[in-house]
Amino acid sequence: MRREELRNRSPHWRTLLEARWRARLEEVTELSLAYHIAAEGSEDKDEARRVLHRAVVARQGLAETEEALRRLAAGDFGRCERCGAGIPATSLLAAPESRYCPRCAAASAPSRLGETPELTLGMTPSHP
């Protein structure tokens, strides 16, 4: 997304990210409370572990949203952290916390079973 386009829509992105931040904070809080209840009052330790895992994932999402808000304030929102290209608005609308353009995101995505990222992309491996 171009810089002037982002500047013009900055209040929109801030509003969207702040709403996501509030929702994620509420989720983290609820899951943290649920974990403590499950860990203290239940014989089912597997349930406590499941809730803890969900709380950790939710906290990571909250951190990603906080980082997106930081990038917005710094003027870096909507730019790929790897190559500097603009991230398409459609990608940001789907996932406003996006840090990478689709090309760089695909290049760093986990590979299929037994394949290295270089092989998945049709490149020659950089190691022997």
C-alpha atoms as a PDB file:
ATOM      1  CA  MET A   1       0.000   0.000   0.000  1.00  0.00           C
ATOM      2  CA  ARG A   2       1.392   3.441  -0.883  1.00  0.00           C
ATOM      3  CA  ARG A   3       2.484   5.789   1.903  1.00  0.00           C
ATOM      4  CA  GLU A   4       0.066   8.606   1.027  1.00  0.00           C
ATOM      5  CA  GLU A   5      -2.777   6.103   0.862  1.00  0.00           C
ATOM      6  CA  LEU A   6      -1.842   4.840   4.325  1.00  0.00           C
ATOM      7  CA  ARG A   7      -1.600   8.354   5.746  1.00  0.00           C
ATOM      8  CA  ASN A   8      -5.067   9.167   4.444  1.00  0.00           C
ATOM      9  CA  ARG A   9      -6.473   5.990   5.990  1.00  0.00           C
ATOM     10  CA  SER A  10      -4.421   6.052   9.194  1.00  0.00           C
ATOM     11  CA  PRO A  11      -7.430   6.834  11.448  1.00  0.00           C
ATOM     12  CA  HIS A  12      -9.284   3.911   9.855  1.00  0.00           C
ATOM     13  CA  TRP A  13      -6.416   1.494  10.549  1.00  0.00           C
ATOM     14  CA  ARG A  14      -5.965   2.837  14.091  1.00  0.00           C
ATOM     15  CA  THR A  15      -9.670   2.340  14.834  1.00  0.00           C
ATOM     16  CA  LEU A  16      -9.604  -1.164  13.377  1.00  0.00           C
ATOM     17  CA  LEU A  17      -6.440  -2.175  15.248  1.00  0.00           C
ATOM     18  CA  GLU A  18      -7.608  -0.680  18.542  1.00  0.00           C
ATOM     19  CA  ALA A  19     -10.896  -2.612  18.278  1.00  0.00           C
ATOM     20  CA  ARG A  20      -8.934  -5.825  17.619  1.00  0.00           C
ATOM     21  CA  TRP A  21      -6.647  -5.006  20.558  1.00  0.00           C
ATOM     22  CA  ARG A  22      -9.613  -4.604  22.933  1.00  0.00           C
ATOM     23  CA  ALA A  23     -11.202  -7.859  21.738  1.00  0.00           C
ATOM     24  CA  ARG A  24      -7.922  -9.750  22.084  1.00  0.00           C
ATOM     25  CA  LEU A  25      -7.248  -8.298  25.533  1.00  0.00           C
ATOM     26  CA  GLU A  26     -10.692  -9.445  26.641  1.00  0.00           C
ATOM     27  CA  GLU A  27     -10.004 -12.919  25.229  1.00  0.00           C
ATOM     28  CA  VAL A  28      -6.627 -13.143  27.000  1.00  0.00           C
ATOM     29  CA  THR A  29      -8.212 -12.051  30.275  1.00  0.00           C
ATOM     30  CA  GLU A  30     -11.051 -14.572  30.024  1.00  0.00           C
ATOM     31  CA  LEU A  31      -8.712 -17.421  29.097  1.00  0.00           C
ATOM     32  CA  SER A  32      -6.285 -16.536  31.893  1.00  0.00           C
ATOM     33  CA  LEU A  33      -9.110 -16.652  34.428  1.00  0.00           C
ATOM     34  CA  ALA A  34     -10.406 -19.912  32.948  1.00  0.00           C
ATOM     35  CA  TYR A  35      -6.929 -21.410  33.175  1.00  0.00           C
ATOM     36  CA  HIS A  36      -6.540 -20.541  36.854  1.00  0.00           C
ATOM     37  CA  ILE A  37      -9.970 -21.958  37.636  1.00  0.00           C
ATOM     38  CA  ALA A  38      -9.203 -25.160  35.700  1.00  0.00           C
ATOM     39  CA  ALA A  39      -5.737 -25.530  37.230  1.00  0.00           C
ATOM     40  CA  GLU A  40      -6.891 -25.049  40.825  1.00  0.00           C
ATOM     41  CA  GLY A  41     -10.214 -26.790  40.945  1.00  0.00           C
ATOM     42  CA  SER A  42     -10.006 -29.691  38.562  1.00  0.00           C
ATOM     43  CA  GLU A  43      -8.529 -33.116  38.455  1.00  0.00           C
ATOM     44  CA  ASP A  44      -8.477 -32.829  34.656  1.00  0.00           C
ATOM     45  CA  LYS A  45      -5.009 -31.382  34.036  1.00  0.00           C
ATOM     46  CA  ASP A  46      -5.445 -31.883  30.270  1.00  0.00           C
ATOM     47  CA  GLU A  47      -8.241 -29.303  30.274  1.00  0.00           C
ATOM     48  CA  ALA A  48      -6.007 -26.836  32.107  1.00  0.00           C
ATOM     49  CA  ARG A  49      -3.253 -27.410  29.531  1.00  0.00           C
ATOM     50  CA  ARG A  50      -5.688 -26.847  26.646  1.00  0.00           C
ATOM     51  CA  VAL A  51      -6.904 -23.590  28.162  1.00  0.00           C
ATOM     52  CA  LEU A  52      -3.325 -22.503  28.837  1.00  0.00           C
ATOM     53  CA  HIS A  53      -2.389 -23.189  25.203  1.00  0.00           C
ATOM     54  CA  ARG A  54      -5.358 -21.126  23.994  1.00  0.00           C
ATOM     55  CA  ALA A  55      -4.338 -18.304  26.376  1.00  0.00           C
ATOM     56  CA  VAL A  56      -0.766 -18.325  25.043  1.00  0.00           C
ATOM     57  CA  VAL A  57      -1.971 -18.199  21.433  1.00  0.00           C
ATOM     58  CA  ALA A  58      -4.347 -15.353  22.314  1.00  0.00           C
ATOM     59  CA  ARG A  59      -1.507 -13.466  24.033  1.00  0.00           C
ATOM     60  CA  GLN A  60       0.658 -13.853  20.930  1.00  0.00           C
ATOM     61  CA  GLY A  61      -2.189 -12.392  18.867  1.00  0.00           C
ATOM     62  CA  LEU A  62      -2.448  -9.478  21.285  1.00  0.00           C
ATOM     63  CA  ALA A  63       1.298  -8.853  20.952  1.00  0.00           C
ATOM     64  CA  GLU A  64       0.995  -8.894  17.139  1.00  0.00           C
ATOM     65  CA  THR A  65      -1.777  -6.302  17.317  1.00  0.00           C
ATOM     66  CA  GLU A  66       0.315  -4.141  19.665  1.00  0.00           C
ATOM     67  CA  GLU A  67       3.218  -4.388  17.218  1.00  0.00           C
ATOM     68  CA  ALA A  68       0.947  -3.346  14.322  1.00  0.00           C
ATOM     69  CA  LEU A  69      -0.155  -0.305  16.340  1.00  0.00           C
ATOM     70  CA  ARG A  70       3.515   0.530  16.941  1.00  0.00           C
ATOM     71  CA  ARG A  71       4.248   0.282  13.201  1.00  0.00           C
ATOM     72  CA  LEU A  72       1.267   2.514  12.472  1.00  0.00           C
ATOM     73  CA  ALA A  73       2.534   5.168  14.905  1.00  0.00           C
ATOM     74  CA  ALA A  74       6.045   4.924  13.423  1.00  0.00           C
ATOM     75  CA  GLY A  75       4.770   5.236   9.849  1.00  0.00           C
ATOM     76  CA  ASP A  76       5.852   1.708   8.884  1.00  0.00           C
ATOM     77  CA  PHE A  77       2.404   0.108   8.788  1.00  0.00           C
ATOM     78  CA  GLY A  78       1.574  -1.523   5.465  1.00  0.00           C
ATOM     79  CA  ARG A  79       5.192  -2.014   4.410  1.00  0.00           C
ATOM     80  CA  CYS A  80       6.851  -5.411   4.228  1.00  0.00           C
ATOM     81  CA  GLU A  81       9.465  -5.848   6.948  1.00  0.00           C
ATOM     82  CA  ARG A  82      11.600  -7.981   4.657  1.00  0.00           C
ATOM     83  CA  CYS A  83      11.603  -6.257   1.237  1.00  0.00           C
ATOM     84  CA  GLY A  84       9.944  -2.902   1.957  1.00  0.00           C
ATOM     85  CA  ALA A  85       7.207  -3.369  -0.638  1.00  0.00           C
ATOM     86  CA  GLY A  86       3.703  -2.234   0.112  1.00  0.00           C
ATOM     87  CA  ILE A  87       1.323  -4.833   1.542  1.00  0.00           C
ATOM     88  CA  PRO A  88      -1.907  -4.893  -0.496  1.00  0.00           C
ATOM     89  CA  ALA A  89      -4.951  -3.373   1.221  1.00  0.00           C
ATOM     90  CA  THR A  90      -6.837  -6.646   0.739  1.00  0.00           C
ATOM     91  CA  SER A  91      -4.161  -8.451   2.770  1.00  0.00           C
ATOM     92  CA  LEU A  92      -4.274  -5.795   5.498  1.00  0.00           C
ATOM     93  CA  LEU A  93      -8.066  -5.926   5.649  1.00  0.00           C
ATOM     94  CA  ALA A  94      -7.927  -9.701   6.109  1.00  0.00           C
ATOM     95  CA  ALA A  95      -5.068  -9.551   8.621  1.00  0.00           C
ATOM     96  CA  PRO A  96      -4.173  -5.998   9.731  1.00  0.00           C
ATOM     97  CA  GLU A  97      -1.241  -7.344  11.748  1.00  0.00           C
ATOM     98  CA  SER A  98       0.479  -8.515   8.542  1.00  0.00           C
ATOM     99  CA  ARG A  99       4.203  -7.819   8.542  1.00  0.00           C
ATOM    100  CA  TYR A 100       5.096  -9.204   5.139  1.00  0.00           C
ATOM    101  CA  CYS A 101       3.911  -8.798   1.560  1.00  0.00           C
ATOM    102  CA  PRO A 102       2.342 -11.941   0.060  1.00  0.00           C
ATOM    103  CA  ARG A 103       5.562 -12.818  -1.783  1.00  0.00           C
ATOM    104  CA  CYS A 104       7.773 -12.676   1.315  1.00  0.00           C
ATOM    105  CA  ALA A 105       5.115 -14.385   3.446  1.00  0.00           C
ATOM    106  CA  ALA A 106       4.961 -17.273   0.968  1.00  0.00           C
ATOM    107  CA  ALA A 107       8.754 -17.540   0.897  1.00  0.00           C
ATOM    108  CA  SER A 108       8.948 -17.841   4.680  1.00  0.00           C
ATOM    109  CA  ALA A 109       5.899 -20.082   5.129  1.00  0.00           C
ATOM    110  CA  PRO A 110       6.510 -23.493   6.694  1.00  0.00           C
ATOM    111  CA  SER A 111       7.409 -25.964   4.012  1.00  0.00           C
ATOM    112  CA  ARG A 112       5.495 -29.085   3.165  1.00  0.00           C
ATOM    113  CA  LEU A 113       6.657 -32.327   4.737  1.00  0.00           C
ATOM    114  CA  GLY A 114      10.267 -33.024   3.996  1.00  0.00           C
ATOM    115  CA  GLU A 115      10.782 -30.000   1.745  1.00  0.00           C
ATOM    116  CA  THR A 116      12.946 -26.998   2.409  1.00  0.00           C
ATOM    117  CA  PRO A 117      11.551 -23.550   1.525  1.00  0.00           C
ATOM    118  CA  GLU A 118      14.036 -23.320  -1.367  1.00  0.00           C
ATOM    119  CA  LEU A 119      12.766 -26.564  -2.881  1.00  0.00           C
ATOM    120  CA  THR A 120       9.151 -25.560  -2.408  1.00  0.00           C
ATOM    121  CA  LEU A 121       9.828 -22.365  -4.365  1.00  0.00           C
ATOM    122  CA  GLY A 122      11.758 -24.201  -7.077  1.00  0.00           C
ATOM    123  CA  MET A 123      15.143 -22.744  -6.058  1.00  0.00           C
ATOM    124  CA  THR A 124      18.326 -24.603  -5.543  1.00  0.00           C
ATOM    125  CA  PRO A 125      19.205 -25.088  -1.877  1.00  0.00           C
ATOM    126  CA  SER A 126      21.856 -22.724  -0.503  1.00  0.00           C
ATOM    127  CA  HIS A 127      23.536 -25.458   1.524  1.00  0.00           C
ATOM    128  CA  PRO A 128      25.300 -28.639   0.390  1.00  0.00           C
END
